[in-house]
Amino acid sequence: MHEMNSTDYRQRIVAAARGWLGTPYVHQASCKGAGCDCLGLIRGVWREVIGPEPEAPPPYSPDWAEADGRETMLAAAMRHLLRKPDDAPIEAGDVLLFRYRAHLPAKHAGIASGNGMMIHAQEKAGVVEVPLSGWWLRHLAAVFAFPPAR
């Protein structure tokens, strides 16, 4: 079985993400225990499981998606993650991208943790594990797998 699909690899990703639980929400940060936003969580898990980040994100404001209308987050995910078909099942360790509104770019990310749950950094709540249902599933824009560890 290819490493990216192995249960052990996916469980390493989920374990790394769970290590961030309780980290406060801090816009543009990516420091376990000190602060992160949704992208910072994905970046931190990447560093722990895969290695050095493939690119540094540019500075961004909280309203970046509404302000410029470009699919910046989706484009970066396409460069560095492995896109899954829309009809593929969501698996533990998958990276999930969300749109807050249908006409806006994807601007939120989380990591599927299995059993219908996900881990994400939420403003005012920090990094939490929540059910991946209802609102989240209706706003899911794309699902990606992490590439194999280097």
Protein backbone atom coordinates (compact mmCIF):
# COMPACT_ATOMS: atom_id res chain seq x y z
CA MET A 1 0.00 0.00 0.00
CA HIS A 2 1.30 3.47 -0.86
CA GLU A 3 2.51 5.28 2.25
CA MET A 4 0.07 8.21 1.91
CA ASN A 5 -2.86 5.80 2.26
CA SER A 6 -1.45 3.69 5.07
CA THR A 7 -3.41 3.64 8.29
CA ASP A 8 -0.23 4.20 10.32
CA TYR A 9 0.66 7.33 8.34
CA ARG A 10 -2.86 8.72 8.64
CA GLN A 11 -2.85 8.02 12.38
CA ARG A 12 0.47 9.89 12.70
CA ILE A 13 -1.19 12.89 11.04
CA VAL A 14 -4.19 12.73 13.39
CA ALA A 15 -1.93 12.28 16.44
CA ALA A 16 0.12 15.30 15.37
CA ALA A 17 -3.06 17.38 14.93
CA ARG A 18 -4.38 16.26 18.33
CA GLY A 19 -1.12 17.49 19.84
CA TRP A 20 -2.32 20.99 18.94
CA LEU A 21 -5.64 20.70 20.82
CA GLY A 22 -6.02 23.60 23.22
CA THR A 23 -3.62 25.86 21.31
CA PRO A 24 -5.13 29.37 21.33
CA TYR A 25 -6.33 30.95 18.09
CA VAL A 26 -3.81 33.53 16.86
CA HIS A 27 -4.16 34.91 13.33
CA GLN A 28 -1.20 33.93 11.06
CA ALA A 29 0.59 32.01 13.84
CA SER A 30 1.80 28.40 13.73
CA CYS A 31 3.27 27.59 17.14
CA LYS A 32 1.94 24.56 19.03
CA GLY A 33 0.69 25.55 22.47
CA ALA A 34 1.25 29.27 21.87
CA GLY A 35 -1.08 30.08 18.97
CA CYS A 36 -2.22 29.26 15.46
CA ASP A 37 -4.96 29.80 12.94
CA CYS A 38 -6.41 27.11 10.66
CA LEU A 39 -3.55 27.38 8.17
CA GLY A 40 -1.02 27.42 11.01
CA LEU A 41 -2.41 24.11 12.24
CA ILE A 42 -1.97 22.50 8.81
CA ARG A 43 1.53 23.97 8.54
CA GLY A 44 2.48 22.68 12.00
CA VAL A 45 1.25 19.17 11.27
CA TRP A 46 3.16 19.25 7.96
CA ARG A 47 6.38 20.18 9.80
CA GLU A 48 5.90 17.43 12.38
CA VAL A 49 4.97 14.63 9.97
CA ILE A 50 6.65 15.54 6.67
CA GLY A 51 9.43 18.06 7.36
CA PRO A 52 10.19 21.64 6.34
CA GLU A 53 7.31 23.60 4.86
CA PRO A 54 7.36 23.78 1.05
CA GLU A 55 6.66 27.53 0.99
CA ALA A 56 6.05 30.36 3.41
CA PRO A 57 2.56 31.83 3.24
CA PRO A 58 2.38 35.52 2.42
CA PRO A 59 0.95 37.88 5.04
CA TYR A 60 -2.86 37.79 4.98
CA SER A 61 -5.63 39.73 6.66
CA PRO A 62 -8.61 38.03 8.32
CA ASP A 63 -10.80 39.14 5.38
CA TRP A 64 -8.29 38.21 2.63
CA ALA A 65 -10.71 35.96 0.73
CA GLU A 66 -13.46 38.56 0.65
CA ALA A 67 -10.99 41.31 -0.22
CA ASP A 68 -9.26 39.76 -3.24
CA GLY A 69 -11.62 36.97 -4.32
CA ARG A 70 -8.77 34.68 -5.42
CA GLU A 71 -8.55 30.98 -4.54
CA THR A 72 -5.24 31.47 -2.72
CA MET A 73 -5.70 28.66 -0.18
CA LEU A 74 -7.06 26.20 -2.74
CA ALA A 75 -4.20 26.99 -5.15
CA ALA A 76 -1.60 26.38 -2.41
CA ALA A 77 -3.29 23.11 -1.47
CA MET A 78 -3.20 22.04 -5.13
CA ARG A 79 0.56 22.76 -5.21
CA HIS A 80 1.48 20.77 -2.10
CA LEU A 81 -1.27 18.30 -1.20
CA LEU A 82 -2.89 15.48 -3.17
CA ARG A 83 -6.44 16.33 -4.28
CA LYS A 84 -8.98 13.58 -3.70
CA PRO A 85 -11.94 13.05 -6.03
CA ASP A 86 -15.13 14.75 -4.84
CA ASP A 87 -16.84 11.38 -4.40
CA ALA A 88 -13.97 9.79 -2.42
CA PRO A 89 -14.71 9.05 1.23
CA ILE A 90 -13.19 11.37 3.82
CA GLU A 91 -10.50 9.52 5.76
CA ALA A 92 -8.69 10.30 8.99
CA GLY A 93 -5.72 12.54 8.19
CA ASP A 94 -7.33 14.24 5.18
CA VAL A 95 -7.06 18.02 4.87
CA LEU A 96 -10.46 19.65 4.45
CA LEU A 97 -11.01 23.06 2.83
CA PHE A 98 -14.20 25.01 3.40
CA ARG A 99 -16.00 27.99 1.86
CA TYR A 100 -17.99 30.15 4.26
CA ARG A 101 -20.25 31.14 1.36
CA ALA A 102 -20.70 29.47 -2.02
CA HIS A 103 -19.51 32.52 -4.00
CA LEU A 104 -16.38 33.09 -1.88
CA PRO A 105 -12.96 31.40 -2.09
CA ALA A 106 -12.11 28.57 0.29
CA LYS A 107 -10.63 30.17 3.41
CA HIS A 108 -10.83 27.65 6.23
CA ALA A 109 -9.07 24.33 6.75
CA GLY A 110 -9.18 21.41 9.12
CA ILE A 111 -7.94 17.85 9.42
CA ALA A 112 -10.33 14.89 9.48
CA SER A 113 -9.68 12.91 12.65
CA GLY A 114 -11.93 9.92 11.97
CA ASN A 115 -15.32 8.79 13.21
CA GLY A 116 -17.03 11.85 11.70
CA MET A 117 -14.80 14.35 13.52
CA MET A 118 -12.29 17.02 12.53
CA ILE A 119 -9.63 19.15 14.20
CA HIS A 120 -9.40 22.82 13.30
CA ALA A 121 -8.40 26.20 14.73
CA GLN A 122 -11.47 28.28 15.43
CA GLU A 123 -11.48 31.95 16.33
CA LYS A 124 -12.37 32.42 20.03
CA ALA A 125 -12.08 28.64 20.65
CA GLY A 126 -8.54 27.73 19.59
CA VAL A 127 -7.72 24.28 18.26
CA VAL A 128 -10.67 21.97 18.90
CA GLU A 129 -12.02 18.62 17.72
CA VAL A 130 -15.61 18.90 16.52
CA PRO A 131 -18.17 16.83 14.60
CA LEU A 132 -17.72 17.00 10.83
CA SER A 133 -21.41 17.26 10.05
CA GLY A 134 -24.18 19.64 9.10
CA TRP A 135 -22.82 23.09 8.32
CA TRP A 136 -19.26 21.85 7.75
CA LEU A 137 -20.24 19.19 5.22
CA ARG A 138 -22.44 21.67 3.34
CA HIS A 139 -19.49 24.09 3.06
CA LEU A 140 -16.79 21.56 2.17
CA ALA A 141 -14.91 22.83 -0.90
CA ALA A 142 -12.22 20.18 -1.39
CA VAL A 143 -10.51 17.23 0.28
CA PHE A 144 -6.79 16.54 0.08
CA ALA A 145 -4.36 13.93 1.39
CA PHE A 146 -0.96 14.84 2.75
CA PRO A 147 1.84 13.72 0.43
CA PRO A 148 4.09 10.88 1.57
CA ALA A 149 6.60 11.77 4.29
CA ARG A 150 10.05 12.54 2.90
